[in-house]
């Protein structure tokens, strides 16, 4: 009888244990499905979990020997549930970690760009503040330099102004042709000559005119600025001299020398002037480079010799290139290339006896290769700067002789 009672109690306890296990399994599966749906929807809020089921010890009293049955299944399931609960938030944080990492990388690039921009602005602000603070000192130094070289600066400005005025006036007189003013040409000649004489008279003690005949001026100690001053003065004086020769050509009557021939004279004078001006600075620079010495020793003397030889080599290359150009101009001056042939009366009548350039009757009409007719002087002036026909743009000339209009090169020969 006692055994039957014990067996019945054991069976009832096992039934209750199986029921509790089924209930726990159902709760675990429902919580897992709920957590999975929450992870898929991307909700950052924590998922509510059911409270852990405590371990339920079951004691079965017996009449004689007590039998203690302890259920470990709920404890194991509780551990598994806790482990899954720990694992799921980690995976959720891992998915969000990528988004946070990408956003942090974008933020880092933006911070880098903003940092570079701010550093550039800070440097610019620093330079601006430095200039603002140093501006008074810079002005003081500039004023000191101007006061020390006020005579040289004034002479340089005067020479440049004289050159620009004379060059523009000569070009205008050449363009006017028969309408040019002889009085204006005579005034330009006197003005340029008097400017050169006054300049050399002012600096008579330095003997700057020696440079015109390939001699060094009587300056005891040549410094760098002195060399630039002497070479610049000589170059301007040579420009004035050749511009004066152009004024003399302008004063020649047209029946003695045609305007076409005058154009070739202007071109020849300008090319010869440029070639001569390239040779003038050689003695002055050679003397200055020979005099460069770090000390009164063999090293300083040999350094000056090497620098002077190197300068002479470069100058010879330049002079050789200039000589080739000058030979071409000499060939053109003697050959006097023709742009066309003399036009017949029939050709002039077909062109209505009107020159397309000057819009008056033809004077010594010339028919080009393209059969367009122009005045000889008009088309000669046109080809001073162009290669093509004014009407059909056919290429007539191979070269542009830009110095035939009486202009002078503004290039300053300083070496």
Protein backbone atom coordinates (compact mmCIF):
# COMPACT_ATOMS: atom_id res chain seq x y z
CA UNK A 1 0.00 0.00 0.00
CA UNK A 2 2.78 2.37 0.82
CA UNK A 3 4.57 1.59 -2.39
CA UNK A 4 1.47 2.31 -4.38
CA UNK A 5 1.13 5.69 -2.76
CA UNK A 6 4.76 6.48 -3.48
CA UNK A 7 4.42 5.48 -7.12
CA UNK A 8 1.35 7.64 -7.56
CA UNK A 9 3.12 10.60 -6.06
CA UNK A 10 6.09 10.08 -8.32
CA UNK A 11 3.82 9.90 -11.38
CA UNK A 12 2.00 13.08 -10.36
CA UNK A 13 5.28 14.89 -9.78
CA UNK A 14 6.61 13.79 -13.18
CA UNK A 15 3.40 14.97 -14.83
CA UNK A 16 3.68 18.37 -13.20
CA UNK A 17 7.35 18.59 -14.25
CA UNK A 18 6.49 17.79 -17.86
CA UNK A 19 3.75 20.42 -17.85
CA UNK A 20 6.13 23.03 -16.48
CA UNK A 21 8.76 22.13 -19.10
CA UNK A 22 6.21 22.54 -21.91
CA UNK A 23 5.16 25.93 -20.55
CA UNK A 24 8.78 27.09 -20.35
CA UNK A 25 9.51 25.93 -23.91
CA UNK A 26 6.47 27.80 -25.22
CA UNK A 27 7.54 30.98 -23.43
CA UNK A 28 11.09 30.68 -24.78
CA UNK A 29 9.96 30.20 -28.39
CA UNK A 30 7.57 33.14 -28.17
CA UNK A 31 10.27 35.39 -26.73
CA UNK A 32 12.72 34.34 -29.47
CA UNK A 33 10.24 35.12 -32.26
CA UNK A 34 9.45 38.43 -30.63
CA UNK A 35 13.16 39.35 -30.43
CA UNK A 36 13.76 38.33 -34.07
CA UNK A 37 10.95 40.57 -35.32
CA UNK A 38 12.27 43.43 -33.23
CA UNK A 39 15.76 43.00 -34.73
CA UNK A 40 14.41 42.93 -38.31
CA UNK A 41 12.43 46.14 -37.86
CA UNK A 42 15.65 47.88 -36.64
CA UNK A 43 14.12 49.08 -33.42
CA UNK A 44 16.84 50.30 -31.06
CA UNK A 45 14.63 49.86 -27.99
CA UNK A 46 15.28 46.93 -25.75
CA UNK A 47 12.91 43.94 -26.03
CA UNK A 48 11.05 43.03 -22.93
CA UNK A 49 11.92 39.54 -21.76
CA UNK A 50 9.84 37.42 -19.49
CA UNK A 51 11.16 37.07 -15.99
CA UNK A 52 13.40 34.10 -15.49
CA UNK A 53 11.74 31.06 -14.04
CA UNK A 54 13.41 30.15 -10.82
CA UNK A 55 14.61 26.71 -10.22
CA UNK A 56 11.83 24.70 -8.60
CA UNK A 57 13.10 22.06 -6.30
CA UNK A 58 10.61 19.30 -5.81
CA UNK A 59 10.64 17.31 -2.73
CA UNK A 60 8.60 14.18 -2.50
CA UNK A 61 8.06 13.20 1.05
CA UNK A 62 7.95 9.57 1.76
CA UNK A 63 6.93 7.64 4.63
CA UNK A 64 10.12 5.75 5.16
CA UNK A 65 13.00 7.07 3.04
CA UNK A 66 12.70 10.63 1.75
CA UNK A 67 13.39 10.99 -2.02
CA UNK A 68 14.60 14.45 -3.14
CA UNK A 69 14.17 15.21 -6.88
CA UNK A 70 15.74 18.47 -8.13
CA UNK A 71 14.85 19.81 -11.54
CA UNK A 72 17.91 21.13 -13.48
CA UNK A 73 16.11 21.60 -16.77
CA UNK A 74 14.70 25.06 -15.95
CA UNK A 75 18.15 26.19 -14.82
CA UNK A 76 19.75 25.06 -18.10
CA UNK A 77 17.02 26.70 -20.13
CA UNK A 78 17.41 29.86 -18.09
CA UNK A 79 21.13 29.94 -18.91
CA UNK A 80 20.47 29.39 -22.62
CA UNK A 81 17.89 32.15 -22.58
CA UNK A 82 20.33 34.51 -20.89
CA UNK A 83 23.05 33.64 -23.41
CA UNK A 84 20.73 34.28 -26.34
CA UNK A 85 19.69 37.51 -24.72
CA UNK A 86 23.34 38.55 -24.49
CA UNK A 87 24.07 37.49 -28.08
CA UNK A 88 21.18 39.32 -29.71
CA UNK A 89 22.00 42.81 -28.39
CA UNK A 90 25.60 42.30 -29.55
CA UNK A 91 24.45 41.52 -33.08
CA UNK A 92 22.12 44.48 -32.98
CA UNK A 93 24.94 46.76 -31.87
CA UNK A 94 27.17 45.29 -34.59
CA UNK A 95 24.70 46.28 -37.32
CA UNK A 96 24.44 49.74 -35.88
CA UNK A 97 28.23 49.90 -35.56
CA UNK A 98 28.65 49.99 -39.33
CA UNK A 99 26.31 52.95 -39.68
CA UNK A 100 27.99 54.74 -36.80
CA UNK A 101 31.44 54.00 -38.29
CA UNK A 102 30.44 55.33 -41.73
CA UNK A 103 28.90 58.42 -40.22
CA UNK A 104 31.98 58.94 -38.06
CA UNK A 105 34.25 58.57 -41.16
CA UNK A 106 32.20 61.18 -43.04
CA UNK A 107 32.40 63.39 -40.02
CA UNK A 108 36.19 62.93 -39.92
CA UNK A 109 36.56 63.97 -43.58
CA UNK A 110 34.40 67.01 -42.99
CA UNK A 111 36.42 67.84 -39.92
CA UNK A 112 39.65 67.45 -41.93
CA UNK A 113 38.44 69.75 -44.70
CA UNK A 114 37.19 72.29 -42.24
CA UNK A 115 40.50 72.02 -40.40
CA UNK A 116 42.51 72.65 -43.58
CA UNK A 117 40.27 75.58 -44.49
CA UNK A 118 40.61 77.02 -41.04
CA UNK A 119 44.40 76.55 -41.11
CA UNK A 120 44.62 78.31 -44.51
CA UNK A 121 42.48 81.14 -43.22
CA UNK A 122 44.61 81.39 -40.11
CA UNK A 123 47.80 81.58 -42.21
CA UNK A 124 46.28 84.23 -44.44
CA UNK A 125 45.14 86.13 -41.39
CA UNK A 126 48.65 85.85 -39.93
CA UNK A 127 50.25 87.19 -43.13
CA UNK A 128 47.72 90.01 -43.29
CA UNK A 129 48.40 90.94 -39.68
CA UNK A 130 52.15 90.81 -40.33
CA UNK A 131 51.81 93.09 -43.37
CA UNK A 132 49.58 95.41 -41.40
CA UNK A 133 52.14 95.65 -38.64
CA UNK A 134 55.13 95.87 -41.01
CA UNK A 135 53.57 98.36 -43.44
CA UNK A 136 54.99 101.44 -41.71
CA UNK A 137 58.51 99.96 -41.75
CA UNK A 138 58.16 98.96 -45.43
CA UNK A 139 57.08 102.49 -46.30
CA UNK A 140 60.03 103.91 -44.40
CA UNK A 141 62.48 101.66 -46.30
CA UNK A 142 60.88 102.52 -49.66
CA UNK A 143 61.11 106.21 -48.86
CA UNK A 144 64.78 105.76 -47.91
CA UNK A 145 65.55 103.96 -51.18
CA UNK A 146 63.71 106.58 -53.22
CA UNK A 147 65.64 109.37 -51.51
CA UNK A 148 68.94 107.62 -52.13
CA UNK A 149 68.21 107.02 -55.83
CA UNK A 150 65.88 109.91 -56.54
CA UNK A 151 68.11 111.20 -59.35
CA UNK A 152 68.32 107.83 -61.11
CA UNK A 153 64.58 107.18 -60.77
CA UNK A 154 63.75 110.63 -62.14
CA UNK A 155 66.10 110.18 -65.10
CA UNK A 156 64.64 106.72 -65.85
CA UNK A 157 61.06 108.02 -65.81
CA UNK A 158 62.06 110.93 -68.06
CA UNK A 159 63.79 108.66 -70.57
CA UNK A 160 60.85 106.26 -70.71
CA UNK A 161 58.36 109.09 -71.22
CA UNK A 162 60.51 110.60 -73.96
CA UNK A 163 60.79 107.28 -75.77
CA UNK A 164 57.05 106.57 -75.68
CA UNK A 165 56.19 110.05 -76.94
CA UNK A 166 58.74 110.03 -79.78
CA UNK A 167 57.92 106.48 -80.89
CA UNK A 168 54.20 107.18 -81.12
CA UNK A 169 54.77 110.43 -82.98
CA UNK A 170 57.07 108.81 -85.57
CA UNK A 171 54.59 105.99 -86.25
CA UNK A 172 51.80 108.52 -86.76
CA UNK A 173 53.90 110.56 -89.20
CA UNK A 174 54.82 107.47 -91.21
CA UNK A 175 51.16 106.49 -91.41
CA UNK A 176 50.14 109.93 -92.70
CA UNK A 177 52.58 109.64 -95.65
CA UNK A 178 52.19 112.76 -97.82
CA UNK A 179 50.14 114.45 -95.11
CA UNK A 180 52.94 114.13 -92.58
CA UNK A 181 54.18 117.31 -90.95
CA UNK A 182 57.79 118.22 -91.70
CA UNK A 183 57.79 120.60 -88.77
CA UNK A 184 56.75 117.80 -86.42
CA UNK A 185 59.52 115.58 -87.73
CA UNK A 186 62.07 118.37 -87.27
CA UNK A 187 60.83 118.96 -83.71
CA UNK A 188 61.21 115.27 -82.88
CA UNK A 189 64.75 115.27 -84.23
CA UNK A 190 65.74 118.29 -82.13
CA UNK A 191 63.96 116.94 -79.05
CA UNK A 192 65.70 113.55 -79.17
CA UNK A 193 69.12 115.05 -79.85
CA UNK A 194 68.85 117.61 -77.05
CA UNK A 195 67.67 114.94 -74.57
CA UNK A 196 70.72 112.78 -75.27
CA UNK A 197 73.16 115.70 -75.06
CA UNK A 198 71.62 116.95 -71.82
CA UNK A 199 71.84 113.50 -70.30
CA UNK A 200 75.53 113.07 -71.10
CA UNK A 201 76.31 116.61 -69.95
CA UNK A 202 74.63 115.95 -66.58
CA UNK A 203 76.79 112.87 -65.99
CA UNK A 204 79.92 114.20 -67.66
CA UNK A 205 82.25 113.02 -64.89
CA UNK A 206 81.22 109.37 -65.39
CA UNK A 207 81.94 109.54 -69.15
CA UNK A 208 78.87 107.49 -70.02
CA UNK A 209 79.36 108.17 -73.72
CA UNK A 210 82.35 105.80 -73.69
CA UNK A 211 79.89 102.93 -73.81
CA UNK A 212 78.77 103.99 -77.29
CA UNK A 213 82.22 103.09 -78.69
CA UNK A 214 82.72 99.86 -76.70
CA UNK A 215 84.69 101.43 -73.86
CA UNK A 216 83.99 101.28 -70.13
CA UNK A 217 83.01 104.54 -68.39
CA UNK A 218 85.40 106.12 -65.91
CA UNK A 219 83.77 104.64 -62.81
CA UNK A 220 86.31 103.36 -60.29
CA UNK A 221 84.21 100.76 -58.47
CA UNK A 222 81.48 99.17 -60.55
CA UNK A 223 78.64 97.82 -58.46
CA UNK A 224 75.69 95.86 -59.77
CA UNK A 225 73.32 98.83 -59.74
CA UNK A 226 75.94 100.98 -61.43
CA UNK A 227 76.23 98.48 -64.27
CA UNK A 228 72.46 98.39 -64.75
CA UNK A 229 72.39 102.18 -64.71
CA UNK A 230 75.12 102.56 -67.34
CA UNK A 231 73.70 99.88 -69.66
CA UNK A 232 70.15 101.27 -69.38
CA UNK A 233 71.24 104.85 -70.11
CA UNK A 234 73.26 103.72 -73.14
CA UNK A 235 70.38 101.66 -74.50
CA UNK A 236 67.95 104.60 -74.33
CA UNK A 237 70.45 106.91 -76.00
CA UNK A 238 70.93 104.44 -78.85
CA UNK A 239 67.16 104.22 -79.28
CA UNK A 240 66.98 108.00 -79.48
CA UNK A 241 69.80 108.04 -82.05
CA UNK A 242 68.12 105.60 -84.44
CA UNK A 243 64.77 107.31 -83.97
CA UNK A 244 66.52 110.50 -85.02
CA UNK A 245 67.72 108.77 -88.20
CA UNK A 246 64.12 107.76 -88.90
CA UNK A 247 63.09 111.40 -88.57
CA UNK A 248 65.72 112.30 -91.15
CA UNK A 249 64.24 109.71 -93.51
CA UNK A 250 60.80 111.22 -92.92
CA UNK A 251 62.14 114.64 -93.93
CA UNK A 252 63.25 113.33 -97.34
CA UNK A 253 60.74 114.39 -100.03
CA UNK A 254 58.60 111.67 -101.60
CA UNK A 255 59.83 112.41 -105.13
CA UNK A 256 63.39 111.63 -103.98
CA UNK A 257 62.51 108.49 -102.00
CA UNK A 258 59.16 106.71 -102.29
CA UNK A 259 57.21 105.63 -99.26
CA UNK A 260 57.89 102.02 -100.08
CA UNK A 261 61.63 102.65 -100.05
CA UNK A 262 61.28 104.58 -96.79
CA UNK A 263 59.59 101.55 -95.26
CA UNK A 264 62.57 99.36 -96.10
CA UNK A 265 64.89 102.02 -94.64
CA UNK A 266 62.95 102.06 -91.37
CA UNK A 267 63.17 98.28 -91.20
CA UNK A 268 66.91 98.26 -91.89
CA UNK A 269 67.59 100.99 -89.30
CA UNK A 270 65.62 99.19 -86.61
CA UNK A 271 67.29 95.82 -87.19
CA UNK A 272 70.73 97.39 -87.26
CA UNK A 273 69.94 99.31 -84.08
CA UNK A 274 68.88 96.15 -82.26
CA UNK A 275 72.02 94.34 -83.38
CA UNK A 276 74.25 97.20 -82.26
CA UNK A 277 72.44 97.49 -78.92
CA UNK A 278 73.06 93.80 -78.22
CA UNK A 279 76.83 94.36 -78.48
CA UNK A 280 77.08 97.54 -76.40
CA UNK A 281 76.74 95.99 -72.88
CA UNK A 282 79.58 93.47 -73.38
CA UNK A 283 82.56 95.61 -72.17
CA UNK A 284 80.74 96.92 -69.10
CA UNK A 285 79.51 93.52 -67.93
CA UNK A 286 82.86 91.89 -68.69
CA UNK A 287 84.67 94.42 -66.55
CA UNK A 288 82.18 93.95 -63.71
CA UNK A 289 82.39 90.13 -63.78
CA UNK A 290 86.20 90.18 -63.87
CA UNK A 291 86.19 92.43 -60.81
CA UNK A 292 84.07 90.00 -58.72
CA UNK A 293 86.32 88.61 -56.00
CA UNK A 294 85.39 86.92 -52.79
CA UNK A 295 88.86 87.73 -51.46
CA UNK A 296 92.23 88.84 -52.76
CA UNK A 297 93.21 85.30 -53.63
CA UNK A 298 93.53 82.97 -56.56
CA UNK A 299 90.04 81.52 -55.89
CA UNK A 300 88.31 84.88 -56.20
CA UNK A 301 90.28 85.83 -59.30
CA UNK A 302 89.54 82.50 -61.06
CA UNK A 303 85.83 82.80 -60.18
CA UNK A 304 85.64 86.17 -61.94
CA UNK A 305 87.37 84.76 -65.02
CA UNK A 306 84.96 81.81 -65.21
CA UNK A 307 81.90 84.04 -64.87
CA UNK A 308 83.17 86.39 -67.58
CA UNK A 309 83.85 83.50 -69.97
CA UNK A 310 80.42 82.03 -69.36
CA UNK A 311 78.84 85.43 -70.07
CA UNK A 312 80.82 85.76 -73.32
CA UNK A 313 79.65 82.33 -74.50
CA UNK A 314 75.99 83.21 -73.91
CA UNK A 315 76.45 86.59 -75.57
CA UNK A 316 78.07 85.00 -78.64
CA UNK A 317 75.09 82.68 -79.07
CA UNK A 318 72.70 85.62 -78.86
CA UNK A 319 74.75 87.73 -81.28
CA UNK A 320 74.91 84.85 -83.77
CA UNK A 321 71.11 84.47 -83.74
CA UNK A 322 70.71 88.23 -84.14
CA UNK A 323 73.17 88.23 -87.04
CA UNK A 324 71.12 85.66 -88.97
CA UNK A 325 68.04 87.84 -88.65
CA UNK A 326 69.99 90.90 -89.73
CA UNK A 327 71.26 89.10 -92.86
CA UNK A 328 67.68 88.28 -93.86
CA UNK A 329 66.73 91.93 -93.52
CA UNK A 330 69.73 92.98 -95.63
CA UNK A 331 68.68 90.53 -98.34
CA UNK A 332 65.14 91.92 -98.32
CA UNK A 333 66.45 95.49 -98.42
CA UNK A 334 68.51 94.88 -101.55
CA UNK A 335 66.03 92.64 -103.40
CA UNK A 336 62.95 94.77 -102.66
CA UNK A 337 60.35 92.00 -103.12
CA UNK A 338 57.31 92.83 -105.25
CA UNK A 339 53.84 91.87 -104.11
CA UNK A 340 52.39 91.90 -107.62
CA UNK A 341 52.65 93.39 -111.10
CA UNK A 342 51.58 96.72 -112.49
CA UNK A 343 47.86 96.71 -113.28
CA UNK A 344 46.57 97.64 -116.74
CA UNK A 345 44.00 100.33 -117.44
CA UNK A 346 41.40 97.70 -118.24
CA UNK A 347 41.92 96.04 -114.86
CA UNK A 348 41.67 99.43 -113.14
CA UNK A 349 38.45 100.29 -114.98
CA UNK A 350 36.94 96.94 -114.00
CA UNK A 351 37.76 97.84 -110.37
CA UNK A 352 36.05 101.27 -110.86
CA UNK A 353 39.45 103.04 -110.54
CA UNK A 354 39.03 103.16 -106.75
CA UNK A 355 41.51 101.68 -104.32
CA UNK A 356 39.71 99.57 -101.66
CA UNK A 357 42.11 100.81 -98.97
CA UNK A 358 42.34 104.59 -99.47
CA UNK A 359 39.03 104.93 -101.40
CA UNK A 360 40.55 107.31 -103.97
CA UNK A 361 41.80 106.86 -107.52
CA UNK A 362 44.69 104.45 -108.04
CA UNK A 363 48.26 105.70 -107.67
CA UNK A 364 50.68 103.24 -109.22
CA UNK A 365 48.15 100.38 -109.16
CA UNK A 366 49.42 96.91 -108.32
CA UNK A 367 47.56 93.70 -109.18
CA UNK A 368 48.18 90.90 -106.68
CA UNK A 369 48.23 87.19 -107.44
CA UNK A 370 44.54 87.05 -106.53
CA UNK A 371 43.87 89.76 -109.19
CA UNK A 372 42.79 92.38 -106.64
CA UNK A 373 44.18 95.84 -107.37
CA UNK A 374 45.49 98.36 -104.83
CA UNK A 375 47.73 101.41 -104.74
CA UNK A 376 51.37 100.49 -104.39
CA UNK A 377 51.85 102.57 -101.24
CA UNK A 378 48.61 101.35 -99.67
CA UNK A 379 49.36 97.69 -100.16
CA UNK A 380 52.96 98.19 -99.01
CA UNK A 381 51.72 99.65 -95.74
CA UNK A 382 49.22 96.80 -95.44
CA UNK A 383 51.92 94.15 -95.82
CA UNK A 384 53.96 95.77 -93.09
CA UNK A 385 51.76 93.89 -90.62
CA UNK A 386 49.82 91.33 -92.66
CA UNK A 387 50.57 88.45 -95.02
CA UNK A 388 47.23 88.13 -96.79
CA UNK A 389 45.14 90.09 -99.29
CA UNK A 390 42.84 92.64 -97.61
CA UNK A 391 39.81 91.39 -99.59
CA UNK A 392 40.10 87.62 -100.12
CA UNK A 393 42.71 86.73 -97.46
CA UNK A 394 44.96 84.94 -99.94
CA UNK A 395 48.52 84.56 -98.59
CA UNK A 396 50.74 86.91 -100.61
CA UNK A 397 53.83 87.50 -98.45
CA UNK A 398 55.89 84.96 -96.58
CA UNK A 399 57.07 87.36 -93.87
CA UNK A 400 55.67 90.26 -91.89
CA UNK A 401 58.08 93.19 -91.83
CA UNK A 402 56.70 94.92 -88.77
CA UNK A 403 59.42 97.58 -88.52
CA UNK A 404 58.49 99.16 -91.86
CA UNK A 405 55.96 101.39 -90.09
CA UNK A 406 58.74 103.33 -88.31
CA UNK A 407 58.21 101.74 -84.88
CA UNK A 408 61.06 101.13 -82.42
CA UNK A 409 61.31 98.10 -80.19
CA UNK A 410 60.53 98.90 -76.51
CA UNK A 411 62.79 96.04 -75.37
CA UNK A 412 65.47 97.19 -72.93
CA UNK A 413 68.85 95.56 -73.52
CA UNK A 414 70.35 95.16 -70.06
CA UNK A 415 72.88 92.33 -70.54
